[in-house]
Amino acid sequence: MYLGIDLGTSSIKCLIIDDSQKVLNSSSTEFSLSTPQNGWAEQDPLLWIQGLTDCLNSISKKTNLKDVLAISFSGQMHGATCLDIDNNIIRPSILWNDTRSFAECQEMMLKNPNIMDITGNLAMPGFTAPKILWMKNHEPEYFNRIRKILLPKDYIRFYLSAEFYSDMSDASGTYWLNVGERKWSQELLDLCDLTIDQMPNLCEGTEQTGVVSKKISEQFGFSSNCKIYGGAGDNAAGAAGLGLFQEGDGSISLGTSGVIFTPTLKFKKNYQDATHSFCHCFPETWHLMTVMLSCTSNINWFSNTFKVSLESFFQSFEKNYNSNITQQPFYLPYLAGERTPINDPFIRGSFSNMGLQTSMDDLCYSVIEGISFAILDNYLSLEKTNLNLDNLYVIGGGSQNYSWLEMISTLLQKKLTLTEESSSMAALGAARLALVGYNQYPVDEILSKPNVIKTILPNSKNSEELIKRFHLWKKIYNQNKSIAQDINQS
């Protein structure tokens, strides 16, 4: 058996597969994040450990963990998790959707204009390096204590094995990796006054990084020979779950963030539109990725704020989607700023064109439409790399509403495919990486695509009107952009 551990932003999931890649058992636990100030997002890593403990205890009631041969990981990317010389956590982890380090991004790019070509990316507040530079500038008492900097899932690895490693796909999001050469860049580390000794060791996603420690083996019942493998950032792990390692394949992830992902056989770039160029979790493979910071988090915010159940929310959306959408309000889904394609940390969410006739049903529709417009905006930036995505798979919690998927399909004019385990693909991908690594299987022989359960096609009925509204939506953003920073910093 093989265990995949997926550390998300709001939950952790553990999933076990057998040698035939059949899911045998799974468990998940939710936790919260902290927003001490506007634009900040932090999490106590001890919440991850408690969540992991709960999941493993739950799984062990039906599965003997001693039979687990290997463990691998998927994880939320970019989080700055800092340890001191005694391996104690210095401060809460600064997460991927934190936007406080905008000034540090500008500082890095001004000091060394070559860094975009080394990393394949613009410096963005979401990445790890600007967060650490922010600590240096604003929390020197914490910065000076740093012995190791780990990404969130790699802190889970350290907890299980006492080893410091990060795989290439996750390390790509630190902004310290030479992505084309797949190695740490001292030139980039110098911008933050860091050394390679403060970085974890690098590995490929299917490379062994140790075994479970004696303490963990005794606590949970793992074999002392249970091996641990590199793993992947959440979207690369989702791609492993889908079997995506060839050009022309792609996925859309509708989770807390929204991501479009496609593998490439060479290191390609389009950082002008804030498209990410990262290593894939397989050797000698890269990927392009667009990221919108707030995807289903918009839905959760609306549901919690206005006390609307998710079932009622989607019923309201579907009611308006299947009628007249012409006079609906517009919604900008930028609750925490945005990455692709605008790289704007100051913009925030807003409704426009509301009137006395505006109902709760209308607002529910507008939220989904606004998220969908942002997905189209992301896709258009990816098209500029001359990649034609023939196969687009949809994963994540948002993949369960077919009307929403039809809207996205209509906007992109692409067929969308749903597969088994679409809502837990990253955990499945992590388990598959453990299986491939342990058995040293060739990737192209073992990573088949999961069974298709549904195909979503564009709907010609709403196509023309949706595109008109998309262009109006873009104008609303451009009008808001001119005052966003003043409002945000007032």
Protein backbone atom coordinates (compact mmCIF):
# COMPACT_ATOMS: atom_id res chain seq x y z
CA MET A 1 0.00 0.00 0.00
CA TYR A 2 1.05 3.58 -0.68
CA LEU A 3 0.07 6.71 1.27
CA GLY A 4 -0.45 10.13 -0.29
CA ILE A 5 -0.62 13.12 2.05
CA ASP A 6 -2.14 16.28 0.56
CA LEU A 7 -1.65 19.42 2.66
CA GLY A 8 -4.05 22.07 1.40
CA THR A 9 -4.80 25.59 2.57
CA SER A 10 -7.92 24.69 4.52
CA SER A 11 -7.56 20.92 5.02
CA ILE A 12 -5.23 17.95 4.97
CA LYS A 13 -6.13 14.67 3.28
CA CYS A 14 -4.57 11.23 3.52
CA LEU A 15 -5.32 8.61 0.86
CA ILE A 16 -4.10 5.03 0.48
CA ILE A 17 -3.88 3.06 -2.77
CA ASP A 18 -2.83 -0.48 -3.55
CA ASP A 19 -0.54 -1.76 -6.31
CA SER A 20 -3.38 -1.55 -8.83
CA GLN A 21 -3.84 2.15 -7.86
CA LYS A 22 -7.25 1.46 -6.35
CA VAL A 23 -8.17 3.82 -3.50
CA LEU A 24 -8.52 1.75 -0.31
CA ASN A 25 -9.01 4.35 2.39
CA SER A 26 -8.95 8.10 2.93
CA SER A 27 -9.53 10.71 5.61
CA SER A 28 -9.47 14.50 5.75
CA THR A 29 -9.43 17.18 8.43
CA GLU A 30 -10.15 20.89 8.08
CA PHE A 31 -8.35 23.79 9.74
CA SER A 32 -8.38 27.58 9.55
CA LEU A 33 -5.95 30.26 8.48
CA SER A 34 -5.26 33.59 10.14
CA THR A 35 -5.51 37.04 8.52
CA PRO A 36 -3.90 39.40 11.07
CA GLN A 37 -4.02 42.34 8.65
CA ASN A 38 -5.54 43.15 5.27
CA GLY A 39 -3.75 41.11 2.63
CA TRP A 40 -1.99 38.84 5.14
CA ALA A 41 -2.50 35.07 5.37
CA GLU A 42 -0.74 32.90 7.94
CA GLN A 43 -1.06 29.44 9.44
CA ASP A 44 0.39 27.72 12.48
CA PRO A 45 2.25 24.60 11.21
CA LEU A 46 1.13 22.77 14.34
CA LEU A 47 -2.37 22.79 12.83
CA TRP A 48 -0.97 20.68 9.97
CA ILE A 49 0.54 18.19 12.40
CA GLN A 50 -2.68 17.91 14.39
CA GLY A 51 -4.66 17.45 11.18
CA LEU A 52 -2.24 14.77 9.98
CA THR A 53 -2.49 13.00 13.33
CA ASP A 54 -6.29 12.98 13.16
CA CYS A 55 -6.24 11.62 9.59
CA LEU A 56 -3.75 8.85 10.33
CA ASN A 57 -5.61 7.82 13.48
CA SER A 58 -8.83 7.67 11.47
CA ILE A 59 -7.28 5.62 8.65
CA SER A 60 -5.61 3.22 11.07
CA LYS A 61 -9.03 2.08 12.32
CA LYS A 62 -9.60 0.27 9.01
CA THR A 63 -6.08 -0.04 7.59
CA ASN A 64 -2.93 -1.48 9.16
CA LEU A 65 -0.37 1.26 8.56
CA LYS A 66 2.39 -1.31 8.95
CA ASP A 67 1.47 -2.45 5.42
CA VAL A 68 2.23 1.01 3.94
CA LEU A 69 5.40 0.63 1.88
CA ALA A 70 5.91 4.27 0.91
CA ILE A 71 4.66 7.80 1.56
CA SER A 72 4.71 10.87 -0.63
CA PHE A 73 3.22 14.34 -0.54
CA SER A 74 1.24 17.05 -2.22
CA GLY A 75 1.20 20.50 -0.71
CA GLN A 76 0.09 24.10 -0.86
CA MET A 77 3.04 25.93 -2.39
CA HIS A 78 5.20 28.92 -1.42
CA GLY A 79 4.54 29.03 2.35
CA ALA A 80 7.53 30.33 4.34
CA THR A 81 7.96 27.90 7.24
CA CYS A 82 11.05 28.91 9.21
CA LEU A 83 12.92 26.80 11.77
CA ASP A 84 15.61 27.85 14.24
CA ILE A 85 18.76 25.98 15.22
CA ASP A 86 16.71 23.70 17.48
CA ASN A 87 14.20 23.01 14.68
CA ASN A 88 11.52 24.99 16.46
CA ILE A 89 9.01 27.00 14.42
CA ILE A 90 10.01 30.67 14.53
CA ARG A 91 6.70 32.24 13.53
CA PRO A 92 3.46 31.23 11.77
CA SER A 93 3.99 30.22 8.16
CA ILE A 94 3.32 33.06 5.68
CA LEU A 95 1.11 31.49 3.02
CA TRP A 96 0.90 31.56 -0.78
CA ASN A 97 -2.04 34.00 -0.82
CA ASP A 98 -0.31 36.59 1.40
CA THR A 99 0.37 39.87 -0.47
CA ARG A 100 2.34 41.91 2.08
CA SER A 101 5.70 41.64 0.26
CA PHE A 102 4.88 43.64 -2.88
CA ALA A 103 7.63 46.20 -2.16
CA GLU A 104 10.17 43.41 -1.66
CA CYS A 105 9.27 41.98 -5.08
CA GLN A 106 10.04 45.34 -6.67
CA GLU A 107 13.27 45.52 -4.67
CA MET A 108 14.42 42.10 -5.93
CA MET A 109 13.67 42.82 -9.60
CA LEU A 110 15.38 46.22 -9.45
CA LYS A 111 18.51 44.79 -7.82
CA ASN A 112 18.85 42.00 -10.38
CA PRO A 113 16.81 42.27 -13.60
CA ASN A 114 18.12 38.84 -14.69
CA ILE A 115 16.13 36.96 -12.08
CA MET A 116 13.03 36.62 -14.27
CA ASP A 117 15.02 34.60 -16.80
CA ILE A 118 16.62 32.43 -14.10
CA THR A 119 13.29 31.61 -12.48
CA GLY A 120 11.00 31.97 -15.51
CA ASN A 121 8.71 34.14 -13.38
CA LEU A 122 8.06 37.65 -12.18
CA ALA A 123 8.77 38.20 -8.50
CA MET A 124 5.36 38.00 -6.83
CA PRO A 125 4.25 38.36 -3.21
CA GLY A 126 2.97 34.79 -3.29
CA PHE A 127 6.46 33.33 -3.68
CA THR A 128 8.61 32.38 -0.71
CA ALA A 129 11.65 34.60 -1.30
CA PRO A 130 9.85 37.98 -1.05
CA LYS A 131 8.21 36.82 2.18
CA ILE A 132 11.62 36.11 3.71
CA LEU A 133 12.95 39.44 2.47
CA TRP A 134 9.92 41.06 4.14
CA MET A 135 10.91 39.31 7.36
CA LYS A 136 14.45 40.65 6.97
CA ASN A 137 13.09 44.18 6.52
CA HIS A 138 10.31 44.09 9.12
CA GLU A 139 11.04 41.23 11.54
CA PRO A 140 14.85 41.05 11.78
CA GLU A 141 14.62 39.34 15.16
CA TYR A 142 12.92 36.38 13.43
CA PHE A 143 14.99 36.52 10.25
CA ASN A 144 18.25 36.29 12.19
CA ARG A 145 17.11 33.05 13.85
CA ILE A 146 16.47 31.18 10.58
CA ARG A 147 18.36 27.90 10.22
CA LYS A 148 16.10 26.21 7.66
CA ILE A 149 13.28 27.38 5.41
CA LEU A 150 10.76 24.70 4.46
CA LEU A 151 7.69 24.67 2.29
CA PRO A 152 4.52 23.49 4.07
CA LYS A 153 4.45 19.89 2.84
CA ASP A 154 8.20 19.64 3.49
CA TYR A 155 7.60 20.48 7.12
CA ILE A 156 5.28 17.45 7.21
CA ARG A 157 8.15 15.42 5.68
CA PHE A 158 10.51 16.71 8.38
CA TYR A 159 7.98 15.78 11.06
CA LEU A 160 7.75 12.21 9.72
CA SER A 161 11.42 11.61 8.93
CA ALA A 162 13.60 14.38 10.45
CA GLU A 163 14.94 14.98 6.91
CA PHE A 164 15.16 18.31 5.04
CA TYR A 165 14.11 17.90 1.39
CA SER A 166 12.02 19.65 -1.23
CA ASP A 167 11.07 18.37 -4.67
CA MET A 168 11.74 20.38 -7.84
CA SER A 169 8.11 21.34 -8.53
CA ASP A 170 7.52 22.83 -5.08
CA ALA A 171 11.00 24.37 -4.89
CA SER A 172 10.29 26.18 -8.18
CA GLY A 173 7.81 28.35 -6.29
CA THR A 174 10.35 29.64 -3.79
CA TYR A 175 12.00 32.03 -6.28
CA TRP A 176 15.40 30.67 -5.24
CA LEU A 177 15.54 27.88 -7.83
CA ASN A 178 17.25 28.03 -11.19
CA VAL A 179 14.25 26.37 -12.84
CA GLY A 180 15.92 25.58 -16.15
CA GLU A 181 18.92 23.90 -14.47
CA ARG A 182 16.93 22.42 -11.53
CA LYS A 183 19.27 23.63 -8.77
CA TRP A 184 19.38 26.31 -6.08
CA SER A 185 20.71 29.65 -7.34
CA GLN A 186 23.15 31.42 -5.06
CA GLU A 187 22.54 34.54 -7.15
CA LEU A 188 18.88 34.50 -6.05
CA LEU A 189 19.67 33.55 -2.46
CA ASP A 190 22.04 36.52 -2.24
CA LEU A 191 19.09 38.87 -2.79
CA CYS A 192 17.69 37.67 0.55
CA ASP A 193 21.06 37.30 2.38
CA LEU A 194 20.60 33.54 2.59
CA THR A 195 22.91 30.57 2.02
CA ILE A 196 22.33 27.19 0.39
CA ASP A 197 22.82 25.63 3.85
CA GLN A 198 19.52 27.24 4.87
CA MET A 199 17.73 25.45 2.03
CA PRO A 200 16.49 21.85 2.08
CA ASN A 201 18.12 19.28 -0.19
CA LEU A 202 16.60 19.05 -3.67
CA CYS A 203 15.05 15.91 -5.12
CA GLU A 204 12.79 14.78 -7.94
CA GLY A 205 9.22 13.88 -7.08
CA THR A 206 9.85 10.13 -7.31
CA GLU A 207 13.19 10.18 -5.47
CA GLN A 208 13.55 8.68 -1.97
CA THR A 209 14.19 11.20 0.81
CA GLY A 210 14.44 8.89 3.80
CA VAL A 211 12.28 6.61 5.95
CA VAL A 212 9.84 7.27 8.76
CA SER A 213 11.54 7.99 12.04
CA LYS A 214 11.45 5.58 14.98
CA LYS A 215 9.20 7.98 16.89
CA ILE A 216 6.63 8.15 14.06
CA SER A 217 6.81 4.41 13.48
CA GLU A 218 5.99 3.75 17.12
CA GLN A 219 3.28 6.42 17.29
CA PHE A 220 1.26 5.40 14.24
CA GLY A 221 2.30 1.82 13.57
CA PHE A 222 4.28 2.32 10.35
CA SER A 223 7.01 -0.15 9.49
CA SER A 224 10.47 1.15 10.32
CA ASN A 225 11.30 0.51 6.63
CA CYS A 226 8.46 2.66 5.30
CA LYS A 227 10.11 4.87 2.68
CA ILE A 228 9.38 8.53 1.96
CA TYR A 229 9.50 10.08 -1.52
CA GLY A 230 9.83 13.62 -2.85
CA GLY A 231 6.24 14.46 -3.78
CA ALA A 232 5.08 17.62 -5.51
CA GLY A 233 3.45 20.99 -5.24
CA ASP A 234 -0.32 20.61 -5.19
CA ASN A 235 -0.94 21.24 -8.88
CA ALA A 236 1.94 19.06 -10.08
CA ALA A 237 0.62 16.33 -7.77
CA GLY A 238 -2.85 16.79 -9.25
CA ALA A 239 -1.28 16.36 -12.69
CA ALA A 240 0.40 13.14 -11.50
CA GLY A 241 -3.00 11.93 -10.34
CA LEU A 242 -4.40 12.68 -13.78
CA GLY A 243 -1.42 11.18 -15.59
CA LEU A 244 -0.44 14.50 -17.18
CA PHE A 245 3.20 14.55 -18.26
CA GLN A 246 2.92 15.17 -22.01
CA GLU A 247 2.47 18.43 -23.91
CA GLY A 248 -1.09 19.04 -25.10
CA ASP A 249 -2.66 17.81 -21.86
CA GLY A 250 -3.86 20.27 -19.24
CA SER A 251 -5.95 20.62 -16.12
CA ILE A 252 -8.08 23.25 -14.46
CA SER A 253 -8.12 23.09 -10.68
CA LEU A 254 -11.13 24.66 -8.98
CA GLY A 255 -9.95 24.81 -5.39
CA THR A 256 -9.20 27.59 -2.91
CA SER A 257 -7.12 29.01 -5.75
CA GLY A 258 -7.81 28.47 -9.43
CA VAL A 259 -5.07 26.97 -11.58
CA ILE A 260 -4.56 25.98 -15.21
CA PHE A 261 -1.67 23.53 -15.58
CA THR A 262 0.06 22.02 -18.62
CA PRO A 263 3.31 20.00 -18.88
CA THR A 264 6.14 21.06 -21.21
CA LEU A 265 9.19 19.16 -22.41
CA LYS A 266 11.32 22.30 -22.31
CA PHE A 267 11.66 25.27 -19.97
CA LYS A 268 9.23 27.83 -21.46
CA LYS A 269 8.38 31.32 -20.18
CA ASN A 270 5.70 33.99 -20.36
CA TYR A 271 6.36 36.00 -17.23
CA GLN A 272 5.04 39.20 -18.84
CA ASP A 273 1.52 37.88 -18.14
CA ALA A 274 2.45 36.41 -14.76
CA THR A 275 2.35 32.87 -16.11
CA HIS A 276 4.44 30.53 -13.97
CA SER A 277 7.21 28.36 -15.41
CA PHE A 278 8.05 25.58 -12.96
CA CYS A 279 9.68 22.16 -12.89
CA HIS A 280 7.27 19.23 -13.04
CA CYS A 281 7.59 16.47 -10.42
CA PHE A 282 9.12 14.13 -13.04
CA PRO A 283 12.76 14.38 -14.19
CA GLU A 284 13.50 16.49 -17.27
CA THR A 285 9.93 17.79 -17.45
CA TRP A 286 8.60 21.29 -16.77
CA HIS A 287 5.18 22.89 -16.74
CA LEU A 288 3.41 26.18 -17.31
CA MET A 289 0.80 27.27 -14.82
CA THR A 290 -1.55 30.20 -14.38
CA VAL A 291 -2.87 31.04 -10.93
CA MET A 292 -5.84 33.06 -9.70
CA LEU A 293 -5.50 33.56 -5.96
CA SER A 294 -9.20 33.31 -5.06
CA CYS A 295 -11.36 30.68 -6.70
CA THR A 296 -13.72 28.66 -4.48
CA SER A 297 -12.63 30.86 -1.57
CA ASN A 298 -15.00 33.46 -3.11
CA ILE A 299 -17.86 30.99 -2.74
CA ASN A 300 -16.90 30.10 0.83
CA TRP A 301 -16.63 33.79 1.73
CA PHE A 302 -20.05 34.55 0.27
CA SER A 303 -21.67 31.50 1.86
CA ASN A 304 -20.25 32.28 5.31
CA THR A 305 -20.90 36.02 5.16
CA PHE A 306 -24.48 35.87 3.93
CA LYS A 307 -25.40 32.60 5.68
CA VAL A 308 -26.27 30.84 2.42
CA SER A 309 -25.73 27.09 2.23
CA LEU A 310 -23.61 25.84 -0.65
CA GLU A 311 -26.59 23.91 -1.96
CA SER A 312 -28.74 27.07 -2.01
CA PHE A 313 -25.88 29.09 -3.48
CA PHE A 314 -25.52 26.81 -6.51
CA GLN A 315 -29.29 26.52 -6.93
CA SER A 316 -29.43 30.33 -7.16
CA PHE A 317 -26.57 30.37 -9.67
CA GLU A 318 -28.21 27.72 -11.86
CA LYS A 319 -31.56 29.55 -11.76
CA ASN A 320 -30.05 32.66 -13.33
CA TYR A 321 -27.59 30.84 -15.60
CA ASN A 322 -30.48 29.06 -17.27
CA SER A 323 -32.50 32.27 -17.75
CA ASN A 324 -31.50 35.82 -18.75
CA ILE A 325 -27.95 36.82 -17.76
CA THR A 326 -27.90 40.20 -19.54
CA GLN A 327 -28.71 42.47 -16.58
CA GLN A 328 -26.85 40.59 -13.86
CA PRO A 329 -24.34 42.43 -11.65
CA PHE A 330 -20.61 41.94 -12.24
CA TYR A 331 -18.21 40.53 -9.65
CA LEU A 332 -14.42 40.91 -9.41
CA PRO A 333 -13.17 37.79 -7.55
CA TYR A 334 -9.99 39.37 -6.20
CA LEU A 335 -10.41 38.91 -2.45
CA ALA A 336 -6.65 38.67 -1.90
CA GLY A 337 -5.24 40.48 -4.93
CA GLU A 338 -4.43 38.57 -8.09
CA ARG A 339 -1.55 36.88 -9.91
CA THR A 340 -2.25 35.81 -13.50
CA PRO A 341 -2.44 37.77 -15.69
CA ILE A 342 -2.48 41.12 -13.87
CA ASN A 343 -0.03 40.61 -10.97
CA ASP A 344 -1.93 43.12 -8.85
CA PRO A 345 -1.66 42.68 -5.04
CA PHE A 346 -3.84 45.73 -4.32
CA ILE A 347 -7.02 44.92 -6.22
CA ARG A 348 -9.89 43.52 -4.14
CA GLY A 349 -13.26 41.92 -4.75
CA SER A 350 -16.29 44.02 -5.62
CA PHE A 351 -19.79 43.92 -7.09
CA SER A 352 -20.75 46.37 -9.84
CA ASN A 353 -24.04 47.34 -11.49
CA MET A 354 -26.23 46.47 -8.52
CA GLY A 355 -29.70 48.00 -8.35
CA LEU A 356 -32.87 47.95 -6.27
CA GLN A 357 -33.93 44.89 -8.22
CA THR A 358 -30.75 42.93 -7.39
CA SER A 359 -31.53 39.74 -5.47
CA MET A 360 -29.50 37.15 -3.60
CA ASP A 361 -29.94 34.85 -6.60
CA ASP A 362 -28.33 37.52 -8.80
CA LEU A 363 -25.31 37.88 -6.50
CA CYS A 364 -24.78 34.11 -6.40
CA TYR A 365 -24.77 34.04 -10.20
CA SER A 366 -22.34 36.97 -10.38
CA VAL A 367 -19.83 35.32 -8.04
CA ILE A 368 -19.60 32.20 -10.22
CA GLU A 369 -19.50 34.25 -13.42
CA GLY A 370 -16.72 36.47 -12.05
CA ILE A 371 -14.59 33.45 -11.11
CA SER A 372 -15.22 31.97 -14.56
CA PHE A 373 -14.16 35.21 -16.27
CA ALA A 374 -10.90 35.12 -14.29
CA ILE A 375 -10.33 31.54 -15.47
CA LEU A 376 -10.75 32.70 -19.08
CA ASP A 377 -8.35 35.58 -18.39
CA ASN A 378 -5.82 33.00 -17.17
CA TYR A 379 -6.32 30.76 -20.17
CA LEU A 380 -5.75 33.62 -22.64
CA SER A 381 -2.35 34.31 -21.06
CA LEU A 382 -1.42 30.63 -21.41
CA GLU A 383 -2.37 30.65 -25.10
CA LYS A 384 0.38 33.21 -25.74
CA THR A 385 2.98 30.47 -25.26
CA ASN A 386 1.61 28.83 -28.43
CA LEU A 387 0.45 25.76 -26.56
CA ASN A 388 -2.74 24.13 -27.78
CA LEU A 389 -4.41 22.25 -24.95
CA ASP A 390 -6.27 19.39 -26.58
CA ASN A 391 -7.34 17.70 -23.36
CA LEU A 392 -8.50 19.74 -20.37
CA TYR A 393 -9.35 17.88 -17.18
CA VAL A 394 -11.11 19.52 -14.23
CA ILE A 395 -10.20 18.73 -10.63
CA GLY A 396 -10.83 20.21 -7.19
CA GLY A 397 -13.91 20.74 -5.06
CA GLY A 398 -15.53 23.06 -7.60
CA SER A 399 -15.58 20.30 -10.21
CA GLN A 400 -18.80 18.86 -8.80
CA ASN A 401 -21.21 21.46 -10.26
CA TYR A 402 -21.87 20.70 -13.93
CA SER A 403 -23.58 24.01 -14.74
CA TRP A 404 -20.50 25.89 -13.59
CA LEU A 405 -18.30 23.63 -15.68
CA GLU A 406 -20.52 24.27 -18.70
CA MET A 407 -20.03 28.03 -18.23
CA ILE A 408 -16.25 27.57 -18.15
CA SER A 409 -16.36 25.26 -21.17
CA THR A 410 -18.44 27.84 -23.05
CA LEU A 411 -16.04 30.68 -22.25
CA LEU A 412 -12.94 28.67 -23.19
CA GLN A 413 -14.64 26.94 -26.12
CA LYS A 414 -13.01 23.75 -24.92
CA LYS A 415 -14.29 20.32 -23.96
CA LEU A 416 -13.80 19.63 -20.24
CA THR A 417 -13.33 16.14 -18.80
CA LEU A 418 -14.17 14.85 -15.34
CA THR A 419 -12.57 11.69 -14.01
CA GLU A 420 -12.86 9.48 -10.97
CA GLU A 421 -11.39 11.07 -7.84
CA SER A 422 -11.59 14.54 -9.45
CA SER A 423 -12.13 16.18 -6.06
CA SER A 424 -9.08 14.51 -4.43
CA MET A 425 -6.66 14.28 -7.35
CA ALA A 426 -3.68 15.84 -5.53
CA ALA A 427 -3.78 13.20 -2.78
CA LEU A 428 -4.08 10.47 -5.42
CA GLY A 429 -1.12 11.98 -7.28
CA ALA A 430 0.98 11.95 -4.11
CA ALA A 431 0.15 8.28 -3.55
CA ARG A 432 1.03 7.51 -7.18
CA LEU A 433 4.41 9.22 -6.76
CA ALA A 434 5.07 6.96 -3.76
CA LEU A 435 4.15 3.91 -5.86
CA VAL A 436 6.30 4.95 -8.83
CA GLY A 437 9.26 5.84 -6.63
CA TYR A 438 9.13 2.69 -4.51
CA ASN A 439 8.86 0.34 -7.50
CA GLN A 440 11.00 2.44 -9.86
CA TYR A 441 8.33 2.15 -12.54
CA PRO A 442 8.69 4.05 -15.83
CA VAL A 443 6.32 7.03 -15.61
CA ASP A 444 4.74 6.51 -19.02
CA GLU A 445 3.88 2.90 -18.20
CA ILE A 446 2.22 3.41 -14.83
CA LEU A 447 0.59 6.87 -14.88
CA SER A 448 -2.47 6.15 -16.96
CA LYS A 449 -5.37 8.60 -16.90
CA PRO A 450 -8.26 7.82 -14.52
CA ASN A 451 -11.60 6.67 -15.90
CA VAL A 452 -13.70 9.45 -17.45
CA ILE A 453 -17.07 9.90 -15.74
CA LYS A 454 -18.39 12.92 -17.66
CA THR A 455 -17.54 15.24 -20.55
CA ILE A 456 -18.73 18.86 -20.55
CA LEU A 457 -19.23 20.68 -23.87
CA PRO A 458 -19.69 24.40 -24.64
CA ASN A 459 -23.25 25.76 -24.71
CA SER A 460 -23.86 27.94 -27.75
CA LYS A 461 -26.94 29.55 -26.14
CA ASN A 462 -25.00 31.82 -23.75
CA SER A 463 -21.69 32.01 -25.59
CA GLU A 464 -22.06 35.40 -27.29
CA GLU A 465 -23.54 37.14 -24.25
CA LEU A 466 -20.91 35.73 -21.89
CA ILE A 467 -18.07 37.02 -24.08
CA LYS A 468 -19.69 40.49 -24.19
CA ARG A 469 -19.94 40.47 -20.41
CA PHE A 470 -16.33 39.29 -20.11
CA HIS A 471 -15.08 42.35 -22.01
CA LEU A 472 -17.20 44.64 -19.80
CA TRP A 473 -15.82 42.83 -16.74
CA LYS A 474 -12.28 43.58 -17.93
CA LYS A 475 -13.16 47.26 -18.23
CA ILE A 476 -14.47 47.25 -14.66
CA TYR A 477 -11.14 45.85 -13.45
CA ASN A 478 -9.17 48.48 -15.40
CA GLN A 479 -11.29 51.23 -13.82
CA ASN A 480 -10.76 49.78 -10.35
CA LYS A 481 -7.03 49.31 -10.89
CA SER A 482 -6.37 53.06 -10.95
CA ILE A 483 -7.62 53.54 -7.38
CA ALA A 484 -7.02 50.08 -5.83
CA GLN A 485 -3.67 50.91 -4.23
CA ASP A 486 -4.93 54.18 -2.75
CA ILE A 487 -7.97 52.43 -1.26
CA ASN A 488 -5.96 49.45 -0.02
CA GLN A 489 -3.33 51.57 1.71
CA SER A 490 -5.64 54.28 3.06
